[in-house]
Amino acid sequence: QADLDADIWGGAHPLEDRDEVHDIY
């Protein structure tokens, strides 16, 4: 959870705002 809360993802967060979500849309 600490990793998830860290501001280090830049569009590659495991659970949120992943680039591949746009393939769905």
PDBML (XML) file of the C-alpha atoms, coordinates in Angstrom:
<?xml version="1.0" encoding="UTF-8" ?>
<PDBx:datablock datablockName="MODEL"
   xmlns:PDBx="http://pdbml.pdb.org/schema/pdbx-v50.xsd"
   xmlns:xsi="http://www.w3.org/2001/XMLSchema-instance"
   xsi:schemaLocation="http://pdbml.pdb.org/schema/pdbx-v50.xsd pdbx-v50.xsd">
   <PDBx:atom_siteCategory>
      <PDBx:atom_site id="1">
         <PDBx:B_iso_or_equiv>0.00</PDBx:B_iso_or_equiv>
         <PDBx:Cartn_x>0.000</PDBx:Cartn_x>
         <PDBx:Cartn_y>0.000</PDBx:Cartn_y>
         <PDBx:Cartn_z>0.000</PDBx:Cartn_z>
         <PDBx:auth_asym_id>A</PDBx:auth_asym_id>
         <PDBx:auth_atom_id>CA</PDBx:auth_atom_id>
         <PDBx:auth_comp_id>GLN</PDBx:auth_comp_id>
         <PDBx:auth_seq_id>1</PDBx:auth_seq_id>
         <PDBx:group_PDB>ATOM</PDBx:group_PDB>
         <PDBx:label_alt_id xsi:nil="true" />
         <PDBx:label_asym_id>A</PDBx:label_asym_id>
         <PDBx:label_atom_id>CA</PDBx:label_atom_id>
         <PDBx:label_comp_id>GLN</PDBx:label_comp_id>
         <PDBx:label_entity_id>1</PDBx:label_entity_id>
         <PDBx:label_seq_id>1</PDBx:label_seq_id>
         <PDBx:occupancy>1.00</PDBx:occupancy>
         <PDBx:pdbx_PDB_model_num>1</PDBx:pdbx_PDB_model_num>
         <PDBx:type_symbol>C</PDBx:type_symbol>
      </PDBx:atom_site>
      <PDBx:atom_site id="2">
         <PDBx:B_iso_or_equiv>0.00</PDBx:B_iso_or_equiv>
         <PDBx:Cartn_x>2.869</PDBx:Cartn_x>
         <PDBx:Cartn_y>2.365</PDBx:Cartn_y>
         <PDBx:Cartn_z>0.717</PDBx:Cartn_z>
         <PDBx:auth_asym_id>A</PDBx:auth_asym_id>
         <PDBx:auth_atom_id>CA</PDBx:auth_atom_id>
         <PDBx:auth_comp_id>ALA</PDBx:auth_comp_id>
         <PDBx:auth_seq_id>2</PDBx:auth_seq_id>
         <PDBx:group_PDB>ATOM</PDBx:group_PDB>
         <PDBx:label_alt_id xsi:nil="true" />
         <PDBx:label_asym_id>A</PDBx:label_asym_id>
         <PDBx:label_atom_id>CA</PDBx:label_atom_id>
         <PDBx:label_comp_id>ALA</PDBx:label_comp_id>
         <PDBx:label_entity_id>1</PDBx:label_entity_id>
         <PDBx:label_seq_id>2</PDBx:label_seq_id>
         <PDBx:occupancy>1.00</PDBx:occupancy>
         <PDBx:pdbx_PDB_model_num>1</PDBx:pdbx_PDB_model_num>
         <PDBx:type_symbol>C</PDBx:type_symbol>
      </PDBx:atom_site>
      <PDBx:atom_site id="3">
         <PDBx:B_iso_or_equiv>0.00</PDBx:B_iso_or_equiv>
         <PDBx:Cartn_x>4.135</PDBx:Cartn_x>
         <PDBx:Cartn_y>1.744</PDBx:Cartn_y>
         <PDBx:Cartn_z>-2.812</PDBx:Cartn_z>
         <PDBx:auth_asym_id>A</PDBx:auth_asym_id>
         <PDBx:auth_atom_id>CA</PDBx:auth_atom_id>
         <PDBx:auth_comp_id>ASP</PDBx:auth_comp_id>
         <PDBx:auth_seq_id>3</PDBx:auth_seq_id>
         <PDBx:group_PDB>ATOM</PDBx:group_PDB>
         <PDBx:label_alt_id xsi:nil="true" />
         <PDBx:label_asym_id>A</PDBx:label_asym_id>
         <PDBx:label_atom_id>CA</PDBx:label_atom_id>
         <PDBx:label_comp_id>ASP</PDBx:label_comp_id>
         <PDBx:label_entity_id>1</PDBx:label_entity_id>
         <PDBx:label_seq_id>3</PDBx:label_seq_id>
         <PDBx:occupancy>1.00</PDBx:occupancy>
         <PDBx:pdbx_PDB_model_num>1</PDBx:pdbx_PDB_model_num>
         <PDBx:type_symbol>C</PDBx:type_symbol>
      </PDBx:atom_site>
      <PDBx:atom_site id="4">
         <PDBx:B_iso_or_equiv>0.00</PDBx:B_iso_or_equiv>
         <PDBx:Cartn_x>0.683</PDBx:Cartn_x>
         <PDBx:Cartn_y>2.462</PDBx:Cartn_y>
         <PDBx:Cartn_z>-4.237</PDBx:Cartn_z>
         <PDBx:auth_asym_id>A</PDBx:auth_asym_id>
         <PDBx:auth_atom_id>CA</PDBx:auth_atom_id>
         <PDBx:auth_comp_id>LEU</PDBx:auth_comp_id>
         <PDBx:auth_seq_id>4</PDBx:auth_seq_id>
         <PDBx:group_PDB>ATOM</PDBx:group_PDB>
         <PDBx:label_alt_id xsi:nil="true" />
         <PDBx:label_asym_id>A</PDBx:label_asym_id>
         <PDBx:label_atom_id>CA</PDBx:label_atom_id>
         <PDBx:label_comp_id>LEU</PDBx:label_comp_id>
         <PDBx:label_entity_id>1</PDBx:label_entity_id>
         <PDBx:label_seq_id>4</PDBx:label_seq_id>
         <PDBx:occupancy>1.00</PDBx:occupancy>
         <PDBx:pdbx_PDB_model_num>1</PDBx:pdbx_PDB_model_num>
         <PDBx:type_symbol>C</PDBx:type_symbol>
      </PDBx:atom_site>
      <PDBx:atom_site id="5">
         <PDBx:B_iso_or_equiv>0.00</PDBx:B_iso_or_equiv>
         <PDBx:Cartn_x>0.488</PDBx:Cartn_x>
         <PDBx:Cartn_y>5.717</PDBx:Cartn_y>
         <PDBx:Cartn_z>-2.295</PDBx:Cartn_z>
         <PDBx:auth_asym_id>A</PDBx:auth_asym_id>
         <PDBx:auth_atom_id>CA</PDBx:auth_atom_id>
         <PDBx:auth_comp_id>ASP</PDBx:auth_comp_id>
         <PDBx:auth_seq_id>5</PDBx:auth_seq_id>
         <PDBx:group_PDB>ATOM</PDBx:group_PDB>
         <PDBx:label_alt_id xsi:nil="true" />
         <PDBx:label_asym_id>A</PDBx:label_asym_id>
         <PDBx:label_atom_id>CA</PDBx:label_atom_id>
         <PDBx:label_comp_id>ASP</PDBx:label_comp_id>
         <PDBx:label_entity_id>1</PDBx:label_entity_id>
         <PDBx:label_seq_id>5</PDBx:label_seq_id>
         <PDBx:occupancy>1.00</PDBx:occupancy>
         <PDBx:pdbx_PDB_model_num>1</PDBx:pdbx_PDB_model_num>
         <PDBx:type_symbol>C</PDBx:type_symbol>
      </PDBx:atom_site>
      <PDBx:atom_site id="6">
         <PDBx:B_iso_or_equiv>0.00</PDBx:B_iso_or_equiv>
         <PDBx:Cartn_x>3.910</PDBx:Cartn_x>
         <PDBx:Cartn_y>6.898</PDBx:Cartn_y>
         <PDBx:Cartn_z>-3.477</PDBx:Cartn_z>
         <PDBx:auth_asym_id>A</PDBx:auth_asym_id>
         <PDBx:auth_atom_id>CA</PDBx:auth_atom_id>
         <PDBx:auth_comp_id>ALA</PDBx:auth_comp_id>
         <PDBx:auth_seq_id>6</PDBx:auth_seq_id>
         <PDBx:group_PDB>ATOM</PDBx:group_PDB>
         <PDBx:label_alt_id xsi:nil="true" />
         <PDBx:label_asym_id>A</PDBx:label_asym_id>
         <PDBx:label_atom_id>CA</PDBx:label_atom_id>
         <PDBx:label_comp_id>ALA</PDBx:label_comp_id>
         <PDBx:label_entity_id>1</PDBx:label_entity_id>
         <PDBx:label_seq_id>6</PDBx:label_seq_id>
         <PDBx:occupancy>1.00</PDBx:occupancy>
         <PDBx:pdbx_PDB_model_num>1</PDBx:pdbx_PDB_model_num>
         <PDBx:type_symbol>C</PDBx:type_symbol>
      </PDBx:atom_site>
      <PDBx:atom_site id="7">
         <PDBx:B_iso_or_equiv>0.00</PDBx:B_iso_or_equiv>
         <PDBx:Cartn_x>3.922</PDBx:Cartn_x>
         <PDBx:Cartn_y>9.529</PDBx:Cartn_y>
         <PDBx:Cartn_z>-6.203</PDBx:Cartn_z>
         <PDBx:auth_asym_id>A</PDBx:auth_asym_id>
         <PDBx:auth_atom_id>CA</PDBx:auth_atom_id>
         <PDBx:auth_comp_id>ASP</PDBx:auth_comp_id>
         <PDBx:auth_seq_id>7</PDBx:auth_seq_id>
         <PDBx:group_PDB>ATOM</PDBx:group_PDB>
         <PDBx:label_alt_id xsi:nil="true" />
         <PDBx:label_asym_id>A</PDBx:label_asym_id>
         <PDBx:label_atom_id>CA</PDBx:label_atom_id>
         <PDBx:label_comp_id>ASP</PDBx:label_comp_id>
         <PDBx:label_entity_id>1</PDBx:label_entity_id>
         <PDBx:label_seq_id>7</PDBx:label_seq_id>
         <PDBx:occupancy>1.00</PDBx:occupancy>
         <PDBx:pdbx_PDB_model_num>1</PDBx:pdbx_PDB_model_num>
         <PDBx:type_symbol>C</PDBx:type_symbol>
      </PDBx:atom_site>
      <PDBx:atom_site id="8">
         <PDBx:B_iso_or_equiv>0.00</PDBx:B_iso_or_equiv>
         <PDBx:Cartn_x>6.345</PDBx:Cartn_x>
         <PDBx:Cartn_y>7.625</PDBx:Cartn_y>
         <PDBx:Cartn_z>-8.423</PDBx:Cartn_z>
         <PDBx:auth_asym_id>A</PDBx:auth_asym_id>
         <PDBx:auth_atom_id>CA</PDBx:auth_atom_id>
         <PDBx:auth_comp_id>ILE</PDBx:auth_comp_id>
         <PDBx:auth_seq_id>8</PDBx:auth_seq_id>
         <PDBx:group_PDB>ATOM</PDBx:group_PDB>
         <PDBx:label_alt_id xsi:nil="true" />
         <PDBx:label_asym_id>A</PDBx:label_asym_id>
         <PDBx:label_atom_id>CA</PDBx:label_atom_id>
         <PDBx:label_comp_id>ILE</PDBx:label_comp_id>
         <PDBx:label_entity_id>1</PDBx:label_entity_id>
         <PDBx:label_seq_id>8</PDBx:label_seq_id>
         <PDBx:occupancy>1.00</PDBx:occupancy>
         <PDBx:pdbx_PDB_model_num>1</PDBx:pdbx_PDB_model_num>
         <PDBx:type_symbol>C</PDBx:type_symbol>
      </PDBx:atom_site>
      <PDBx:atom_site id="9">
         <PDBx:B_iso_or_equiv>0.00</PDBx:B_iso_or_equiv>
         <PDBx:Cartn_x>4.231</PDBx:Cartn_x>
         <PDBx:Cartn_y>6.045</PDBx:Cartn_y>
         <PDBx:Cartn_z>-11.116</PDBx:Cartn_z>
         <PDBx:auth_asym_id>A</PDBx:auth_asym_id>
         <PDBx:auth_atom_id>CA</PDBx:auth_atom_id>
         <PDBx:auth_comp_id>TRP</PDBx:auth_comp_id>
         <PDBx:auth_seq_id>9</PDBx:auth_seq_id>
         <PDBx:group_PDB>ATOM</PDBx:group_PDB>
         <PDBx:label_alt_id xsi:nil="true" />
         <PDBx:label_asym_id>A</PDBx:label_asym_id>
         <PDBx:label_atom_id>CA</PDBx:label_atom_id>
         <PDBx:label_comp_id>TRP</PDBx:label_comp_id>
         <PDBx:label_entity_id>1</PDBx:label_entity_id>
         <PDBx:label_seq_id>9</PDBx:label_seq_id>
         <PDBx:occupancy>1.00</PDBx:occupancy>
         <PDBx:pdbx_PDB_model_num>1</PDBx:pdbx_PDB_model_num>
         <PDBx:type_symbol>C</PDBx:type_symbol>
      </PDBx:atom_site>
      <PDBx:atom_site id="10">
         <PDBx:B_iso_or_equiv>0.00</PDBx:B_iso_or_equiv>
         <PDBx:Cartn_x>3.894</PDBx:Cartn_x>
         <PDBx:Cartn_y>8.601</PDBx:Cartn_y>
         <PDBx:Cartn_z>-13.903</PDBx:Cartn_z>
         <PDBx:auth_asym_id>A</PDBx:auth_asym_id>
         <PDBx:auth_atom_id>CA</PDBx:auth_atom_id>
         <PDBx:auth_comp_id>GLY</PDBx:auth_comp_id>
         <PDBx:auth_seq_id>10</PDBx:auth_seq_id>
         <PDBx:group_PDB>ATOM</PDBx:group_PDB>
         <PDBx:label_alt_id xsi:nil="true" />
         <PDBx:label_asym_id>A</PDBx:label_asym_id>
         <PDBx:label_atom_id>CA</PDBx:label_atom_id>
         <PDBx:label_comp_id>GLY</PDBx:label_comp_id>
         <PDBx:label_entity_id>1</PDBx:label_entity_id>
         <PDBx:label_seq_id>10</PDBx:label_seq_id>
         <PDBx:occupancy>1.00</PDBx:occupancy>
         <PDBx:pdbx_PDB_model_num>1</PDBx:pdbx_PDB_model_num>
         <PDBx:type_symbol>C</PDBx:type_symbol>
      </PDBx:atom_site>
      <PDBx:atom_site id="11">
         <PDBx:B_iso_or_equiv>0.00</PDBx:B_iso_or_equiv>
         <PDBx:Cartn_x>1.078</PDBx:Cartn_x>
         <PDBx:Cartn_y>6.833</PDBx:Cartn_y>
         <PDBx:Cartn_z>-15.744</PDBx:Cartn_z>
         <PDBx:auth_asym_id>A</PDBx:auth_asym_id>
         <PDBx:auth_atom_id>CA</PDBx:auth_atom_id>
         <PDBx:auth_comp_id>GLY</PDBx:auth_comp_id>
         <PDBx:auth_seq_id>11</PDBx:auth_seq_id>
         <PDBx:group_PDB>ATOM</PDBx:group_PDB>
         <PDBx:label_alt_id xsi:nil="true" />
         <PDBx:label_asym_id>A</PDBx:label_asym_id>
         <PDBx:label_atom_id>CA</PDBx:label_atom_id>
         <PDBx:label_comp_id>GLY</PDBx:label_comp_id>
         <PDBx:label_entity_id>1</PDBx:label_entity_id>
         <PDBx:label_seq_id>11</PDBx:label_seq_id>
         <PDBx:occupancy>1.00</PDBx:occupancy>
         <PDBx:pdbx_PDB_model_num>1</PDBx:pdbx_PDB_model_num>
         <PDBx:type_symbol>C</PDBx:type_symbol>
      </PDBx:atom_site>
      <PDBx:atom_site id="12">
         <PDBx:B_iso_or_equiv>0.00</PDBx:B_iso_or_equiv>
         <PDBx:Cartn_x>2.145</PDBx:Cartn_x>
         <PDBx:Cartn_y>3.308</PDBx:Cartn_y>
         <PDBx:Cartn_z>-14.776</PDBx:Cartn_z>
         <PDBx:auth_asym_id>A</PDBx:auth_asym_id>
         <PDBx:auth_atom_id>CA</PDBx:auth_atom_id>
         <PDBx:auth_comp_id>ALA</PDBx:auth_comp_id>
         <PDBx:auth_seq_id>12</PDBx:auth_seq_id>
         <PDBx:group_PDB>ATOM</PDBx:group_PDB>
         <PDBx:label_alt_id xsi:nil="true" />
         <PDBx:label_asym_id>A</PDBx:label_asym_id>
         <PDBx:label_atom_id>CA</PDBx:label_atom_id>
         <PDBx:label_comp_id>ALA</PDBx:label_comp_id>
         <PDBx:label_entity_id>1</PDBx:label_entity_id>
         <PDBx:label_seq_id>12</PDBx:label_seq_id>
         <PDBx:occupancy>1.00</PDBx:occupancy>
         <PDBx:pdbx_PDB_model_num>1</PDBx:pdbx_PDB_model_num>
         <PDBx:type_symbol>C</PDBx:type_symbol>
      </PDBx:atom_site>
      <PDBx:atom_site id="13">
         <PDBx:B_iso_or_equiv>0.00</PDBx:B_iso_or_equiv>
         <PDBx:Cartn_x>0.338</PDBx:Cartn_x>
         <PDBx:Cartn_y>2.980</PDBx:Cartn_y>
         <PDBx:Cartn_z>-11.427</PDBx:Cartn_z>
         <PDBx:auth_asym_id>A</PDBx:auth_asym_id>
         <PDBx:auth_atom_id>CA</PDBx:auth_atom_id>
         <PDBx:auth_comp_id>HIS</PDBx:auth_comp_id>
         <PDBx:auth_seq_id>13</PDBx:auth_seq_id>
         <PDBx:group_PDB>ATOM</PDBx:group_PDB>
         <PDBx:label_alt_id xsi:nil="true" />
         <PDBx:label_asym_id>A</PDBx:label_asym_id>
         <PDBx:label_atom_id>CA</PDBx:label_atom_id>
         <PDBx:label_comp_id>HIS</PDBx:label_comp_id>
         <PDBx:label_entity_id>1</PDBx:label_entity_id>
         <PDBx:label_seq_id>13</PDBx:label_seq_id>
         <PDBx:occupancy>1.00</PDBx:occupancy>
         <PDBx:pdbx_PDB_model_num>1</PDBx:pdbx_PDB_model_num>
         <PDBx:type_symbol>C</PDBx:type_symbol>
      </PDBx:atom_site>
      <PDBx:atom_site id="14">
         <PDBx:B_iso_or_equiv>0.00</PDBx:B_iso_or_equiv>
         <PDBx:Cartn_x>-0.732</PDBx:Cartn_x>
         <PDBx:Cartn_y>-0.658</PDBx:Cartn_y>
         <PDBx:Cartn_z>-10.946</PDBx:Cartn_z>
         <PDBx:auth_asym_id>A</PDBx:auth_asym_id>
         <PDBx:auth_atom_id>CA</PDBx:auth_atom_id>
         <PDBx:auth_comp_id>PRO</PDBx:auth_comp_id>
         <PDBx:auth_seq_id>14</PDBx:auth_seq_id>
         <PDBx:group_PDB>ATOM</PDBx:group_PDB>
         <PDBx:label_alt_id xsi:nil="true" />
         <PDBx:label_asym_id>A</PDBx:label_asym_id>
         <PDBx:label_atom_id>CA</PDBx:label_atom_id>
         <PDBx:label_comp_id>PRO</PDBx:label_comp_id>
         <PDBx:label_entity_id>1</PDBx:label_entity_id>
         <PDBx:label_seq_id>14</PDBx:label_seq_id>
         <PDBx:occupancy>1.00</PDBx:occupancy>
         <PDBx:pdbx_PDB_model_num>1</PDBx:pdbx_PDB_model_num>
         <PDBx:type_symbol>C</PDBx:type_symbol>
      </PDBx:atom_site>
      <PDBx:atom_site id="15">
         <PDBx:B_iso_or_equiv>0.00</PDBx:B_iso_or_equiv>
         <PDBx:Cartn_x>-4.388</PDBx:Cartn_x>
         <PDBx:Cartn_y>0.212</PDBx:Cartn_y>
         <PDBx:Cartn_z>-10.296</PDBx:Cartn_z>
         <PDBx:auth_asym_id>A</PDBx:auth_asym_id>
         <PDBx:auth_atom_id>CA</PDBx:auth_atom_id>
         <PDBx:auth_comp_id>LEU</PDBx:auth_comp_id>
         <PDBx:auth_seq_id>15</PDBx:auth_seq_id>
         <PDBx:group_PDB>ATOM</PDBx:group_PDB>
         <PDBx:label_alt_id xsi:nil="true" />
         <PDBx:label_asym_id>A</PDBx:label_asym_id>
         <PDBx:label_atom_id>CA</PDBx:label_atom_id>
         <PDBx:label_comp_id>LEU</PDBx:label_comp_id>
         <PDBx:label_entity_id>1</PDBx:label_entity_id>
         <PDBx:label_seq_id>15</PDBx:label_seq_id>
         <PDBx:occupancy>1.00</PDBx:occupancy>
         <PDBx:pdbx_PDB_model_num>1</PDBx:pdbx_PDB_model_num>
         <PDBx:type_symbol>C</PDBx:type_symbol>
      </PDBx:atom_site>
      <PDBx:atom_site id="16">
         <PDBx:B_iso_or_equiv>0.00</PDBx:B_iso_or_equiv>
         <PDBx:Cartn_x>-5.104</PDBx:Cartn_x>
         <PDBx:Cartn_y>3.700</PDBx:Cartn_y>
         <PDBx:Cartn_z>-11.634</PDBx:Cartn_z>
         <PDBx:auth_asym_id>A</PDBx:auth_asym_id>
         <PDBx:auth_atom_id>CA</PDBx:auth_atom_id>
         <PDBx:auth_comp_id>GLU</PDBx:auth_comp_id>
         <PDBx:auth_seq_id>16</PDBx:auth_seq_id>
         <PDBx:group_PDB>ATOM</PDBx:group_PDB>
         <PDBx:label_alt_id xsi:nil="true" />
         <PDBx:label_asym_id>A</PDBx:label_asym_id>
         <PDBx:label_atom_id>CA</PDBx:label_atom_id>
         <PDBx:label_comp_id>GLU</PDBx:label_comp_id>
         <PDBx:label_entity_id>1</PDBx:label_entity_id>
         <PDBx:label_seq_id>16</PDBx:label_seq_id>
         <PDBx:occupancy>1.00</PDBx:occupancy>
         <PDBx:pdbx_PDB_model_num>1</PDBx:pdbx_PDB_model_num>
         <PDBx:type_symbol>C</PDBx:type_symbol>
      </PDBx:atom_site>
      <PDBx:atom_site id="17">
         <PDBx:B_iso_or_equiv>0.00</PDBx:B_iso_or_equiv>
         <PDBx:Cartn_x>-4.872</PDBx:Cartn_x>
         <PDBx:Cartn_y>5.685</PDBx:Cartn_y>
         <PDBx:Cartn_z>-14.858</PDBx:Cartn_z>
         <PDBx:auth_asym_id>A</PDBx:auth_asym_id>
         <PDBx:auth_atom_id>CA</PDBx:auth_atom_id>
         <PDBx:auth_comp_id>ASP</PDBx:auth_comp_id>
         <PDBx:auth_seq_id>17</PDBx:auth_seq_id>
         <PDBx:group_PDB>ATOM</PDBx:group_PDB>
         <PDBx:label_alt_id xsi:nil="true" />
         <PDBx:label_asym_id>A</PDBx:label_asym_id>
         <PDBx:label_atom_id>CA</PDBx:label_atom_id>
         <PDBx:label_comp_id>ASP</PDBx:label_comp_id>
         <PDBx:label_entity_id>1</PDBx:label_entity_id>
         <PDBx:label_seq_id>17</PDBx:label_seq_id>
         <PDBx:occupancy>1.00</PDBx:occupancy>
         <PDBx:pdbx_PDB_model_num>1</PDBx:pdbx_PDB_model_num>
         <PDBx:type_symbol>C</PDBx:type_symbol>
      </PDBx:atom_site>
      <PDBx:atom_site id="18">
         <PDBx:B_iso_or_equiv>0.00</PDBx:B_iso_or_equiv>
         <PDBx:Cartn_x>-2.907</PDBx:Cartn_x>
         <PDBx:Cartn_y>3.096</PDBx:Cartn_y>
         <PDBx:Cartn_z>-16.783</PDBx:Cartn_z>
         <PDBx:auth_asym_id>A</PDBx:auth_asym_id>
         <PDBx:auth_atom_id>CA</PDBx:auth_atom_id>
         <PDBx:auth_comp_id>ARG</PDBx:auth_comp_id>
         <PDBx:auth_seq_id>18</PDBx:auth_seq_id>
         <PDBx:group_PDB>ATOM</PDBx:group_PDB>
         <PDBx:label_alt_id xsi:nil="true" />
         <PDBx:label_asym_id>A</PDBx:label_asym_id>
         <PDBx:label_atom_id>CA</PDBx:label_atom_id>
         <PDBx:label_comp_id>ARG</PDBx:label_comp_id>
         <PDBx:label_entity_id>1</PDBx:label_entity_id>
         <PDBx:label_seq_id>18</PDBx:label_seq_id>
         <PDBx:occupancy>1.00</PDBx:occupancy>
         <PDBx:pdbx_PDB_model_num>1</PDBx:pdbx_PDB_model_num>
         <PDBx:type_symbol>C</PDBx:type_symbol>
      </PDBx:atom_site>
      <PDBx:atom_site id="19">
         <PDBx:B_iso_or_equiv>0.00</PDBx:B_iso_or_equiv>
         <PDBx:Cartn_x>-2.277</PDBx:Cartn_x>
         <PDBx:Cartn_y>3.885</PDBx:Cartn_y>
         <PDBx:Cartn_z>-20.424</PDBx:Cartn_z>
         <PDBx:auth_asym_id>A</PDBx:auth_asym_id>
         <PDBx:auth_atom_id>CA</PDBx:auth_atom_id>
         <PDBx:auth_comp_id>ASP</PDBx:auth_comp_id>
         <PDBx:auth_seq_id>19</PDBx:auth_seq_id>
         <PDBx:group_PDB>ATOM</PDBx:group_PDB>
         <PDBx:label_alt_id xsi:nil="true" />
         <PDBx:label_asym_id>A</PDBx:label_asym_id>
         <PDBx:label_atom_id>CA</PDBx:label_atom_id>
         <PDBx:label_comp_id>ASP</PDBx:label_comp_id>
         <PDBx:label_entity_id>1</PDBx:label_entity_id>
         <PDBx:label_seq_id>19</PDBx:label_seq_id>
         <PDBx:occupancy>1.00</PDBx:occupancy>
         <PDBx:pdbx_PDB_model_num>1</PDBx:pdbx_PDB_model_num>
         <PDBx:type_symbol>C</PDBx:type_symbol>
      </PDBx:atom_site>
      <PDBx:atom_site id="20">
         <PDBx:B_iso_or_equiv>0.00</PDBx:B_iso_or_equiv>
         <PDBx:Cartn_x>-3.952</PDBx:Cartn_x>
         <PDBx:Cartn_y>0.676</PDBx:Cartn_y>
         <PDBx:Cartn_z>-21.620</PDBx:Cartn_z>
         <PDBx:auth_asym_id>A</PDBx:auth_asym_id>
         <PDBx:auth_atom_id>CA</PDBx:auth_atom_id>
         <PDBx:auth_comp_id>GLU</PDBx:auth_comp_id>
         <PDBx:auth_seq_id>20</PDBx:auth_seq_id>
         <PDBx:group_PDB>ATOM</PDBx:group_PDB>
         <PDBx:label_alt_id xsi:nil="true" />
         <PDBx:label_asym_id>A</PDBx:label_asym_id>
         <PDBx:label_atom_id>CA</PDBx:label_atom_id>
         <PDBx:label_comp_id>GLU</PDBx:label_comp_id>
         <PDBx:label_entity_id>1</PDBx:label_entity_id>
         <PDBx:label_seq_id>20</PDBx:label_seq_id>
         <PDBx:occupancy>1.00</PDBx:occupancy>
         <PDBx:pdbx_PDB_model_num>1</PDBx:pdbx_PDB_model_num>
         <PDBx:type_symbol>C</PDBx:type_symbol>
      </PDBx:atom_site>
      <PDBx:atom_site id="21">
         <PDBx:B_iso_or_equiv>0.00</PDBx:B_iso_or_equiv>
         <PDBx:Cartn_x>-7.296</PDBx:Cartn_x>
         <PDBx:Cartn_y>1.789</PDBx:Cartn_y>
         <PDBx:Cartn_z>-20.188</PDBx:Cartn_z>
         <PDBx:auth_asym_id>A</PDBx:auth_asym_id>
         <PDBx:auth_atom_id>CA</PDBx:auth_atom_id>
         <PDBx:auth_comp_id>VAL</PDBx:auth_comp_id>
         <PDBx:auth_seq_id>21</PDBx:auth_seq_id>
         <PDBx:group_PDB>ATOM</PDBx:group_PDB>
         <PDBx:label_alt_id xsi:nil="true" />
         <PDBx:label_asym_id>A</PDBx:label_asym_id>
         <PDBx:label_atom_id>CA</PDBx:label_atom_id>
         <PDBx:label_comp_id>VAL</PDBx:label_comp_id>
         <PDBx:label_entity_id>1</PDBx:label_entity_id>
         <PDBx:label_seq_id>21</PDBx:label_seq_id>
         <PDBx:occupancy>1.00</PDBx:occupancy>
         <PDBx:pdbx_PDB_model_num>1</PDBx:pdbx_PDB_model_num>
         <PDBx:type_symbol>C</PDBx:type_symbol>
      </PDBx:atom_site>
      <PDBx:atom_site id="22">
         <PDBx:B_iso_or_equiv>0.00</PDBx:B_iso_or_equiv>
         <PDBx:Cartn_x>-7.655</PDBx:Cartn_x>
         <PDBx:Cartn_y>3.890</PDBx:Cartn_y>
         <PDBx:Cartn_z>-23.321</PDBx:Cartn_z>
         <PDBx:auth_asym_id>A</PDBx:auth_asym_id>
         <PDBx:auth_atom_id>CA</PDBx:auth_atom_id>
         <PDBx:auth_comp_id>HIS</PDBx:auth_comp_id>
         <PDBx:auth_seq_id>22</PDBx:auth_seq_id>
         <PDBx:group_PDB>ATOM</PDBx:group_PDB>
         <PDBx:label_alt_id xsi:nil="true" />
         <PDBx:label_asym_id>A</PDBx:label_asym_id>
         <PDBx:label_atom_id>CA</PDBx:label_atom_id>
         <PDBx:label_comp_id>HIS</PDBx:label_comp_id>
         <PDBx:label_entity_id>1</PDBx:label_entity_id>
         <PDBx:label_seq_id>22</PDBx:label_seq_id>
         <PDBx:occupancy>1.00</PDBx:occupancy>
         <PDBx:pdbx_PDB_model_num>1</PDBx:pdbx_PDB_model_num>
         <PDBx:type_symbol>C</PDBx:type_symbol>
      </PDBx:atom_site>
      <PDBx:atom_site id="23">
         <PDBx:B_iso_or_equiv>0.00</PDBx:B_iso_or_equiv>
         <PDBx:Cartn_x>-7.697</PDBx:Cartn_x>
         <PDBx:Cartn_y>0.752</PDBx:Cartn_y>
         <PDBx:Cartn_z>-25.472</PDBx:Cartn_z>
         <PDBx:auth_asym_id>A</PDBx:auth_asym_id>
         <PDBx:auth_atom_id>CA</PDBx:auth_atom_id>
         <PDBx:auth_comp_id>ASP</PDBx:auth_comp_id>
         <PDBx:auth_seq_id>23</PDBx:auth_seq_id>
         <PDBx:group_PDB>ATOM</PDBx:group_PDB>
         <PDBx:label_alt_id xsi:nil="true" />
         <PDBx:label_asym_id>A</PDBx:label_asym_id>
         <PDBx:label_atom_id>CA</PDBx:label_atom_id>
         <PDBx:label_comp_id>ASP</PDBx:label_comp_id>
         <PDBx:label_entity_id>1</PDBx:label_entity_id>
         <PDBx:label_seq_id>23</PDBx:label_seq_id>
         <PDBx:occupancy>1.00</PDBx:occupancy>
         <PDBx:pdbx_PDB_model_num>1</PDBx:pdbx_PDB_model_num>
         <PDBx:type_symbol>C</PDBx:type_symbol>
      </PDBx:atom_site>
      <PDBx:atom_site id="24">
         <PDBx:B_iso_or_equiv>0.00</PDBx:B_iso_or_equiv>
         <PDBx:Cartn_x>-11.040</PDBx:Cartn_x>
         <PDBx:Cartn_y>-0.001</PDBx:Cartn_y>
         <PDBx:Cartn_z>-23.820</PDBx:Cartn_z>
         <PDBx:auth_asym_id>A</PDBx:auth_asym_id>
         <PDBx:auth_atom_id>CA</PDBx:auth_atom_id>
         <PDBx:auth_comp_id>ILE</PDBx:auth_comp_id>
         <PDBx:auth_seq_id>24</PDBx:auth_seq_id>
         <PDBx:group_PDB>ATOM</PDBx:group_PDB>
         <PDBx:label_alt_id xsi:nil="true" />
         <PDBx:label_asym_id>A</PDBx:label_asym_id>
         <PDBx:label_atom_id>CA</PDBx:label_atom_id>
         <PDBx:label_comp_id>ILE</PDBx:label_comp_id>
         <PDBx:label_entity_id>1</PDBx:label_entity_id>
         <PDBx:label_seq_id>24</PDBx:label_seq_id>
         <PDBx:occupancy>1.00</PDBx:occupancy>
         <PDBx:pdbx_PDB_model_num>1</PDBx:pdbx_PDB_model_num>
         <PDBx:type_symbol>C</PDBx:type_symbol>
      </PDBx:atom_site>
      <PDBx:atom_site id="25">
         <PDBx:B_iso_or_equiv>0.00</PDBx:B_iso_or_equiv>
         <PDBx:Cartn_x>-12.433</PDBx:Cartn_x>
         <PDBx:Cartn_y>3.451</PDBx:Cartn_y>
         <PDBx:Cartn_z>-24.543</PDBx:Cartn_z>
         <PDBx:auth_asym_id>A</PDBx:auth_asym_id>
         <PDBx:auth_atom_id>CA</PDBx:auth_atom_id>
         <PDBx:auth_comp_id>TYR</PDBx:auth_comp_id>
         <PDBx:auth_seq_id>25</PDBx:auth_seq_id>
         <PDBx:group_PDB>ATOM</PDBx:group_PDB>
         <PDBx:label_alt_id xsi:nil="true" />
         <PDBx:label_asym_id>A</PDBx:label_asym_id>
         <PDBx:label_atom_id>CA</PDBx:label_atom_id>
         <PDBx:label_comp_id>TYR</PDBx:label_comp_id>
         <PDBx:label_entity_id>1</PDBx:label_entity_id>
         <PDBx:label_seq_id>25</PDBx:label_seq_id>
         <PDBx:occupancy>1.00</PDBx:occupancy>
         <PDBx:pdbx_PDB_model_num>1</PDBx:pdbx_PDB_model_num>
         <PDBx:type_symbol>C</PDBx:type_symbol>
      </PDBx:atom_site>
   </PDBx:atom_siteCategory>
</PDBx:datablock>
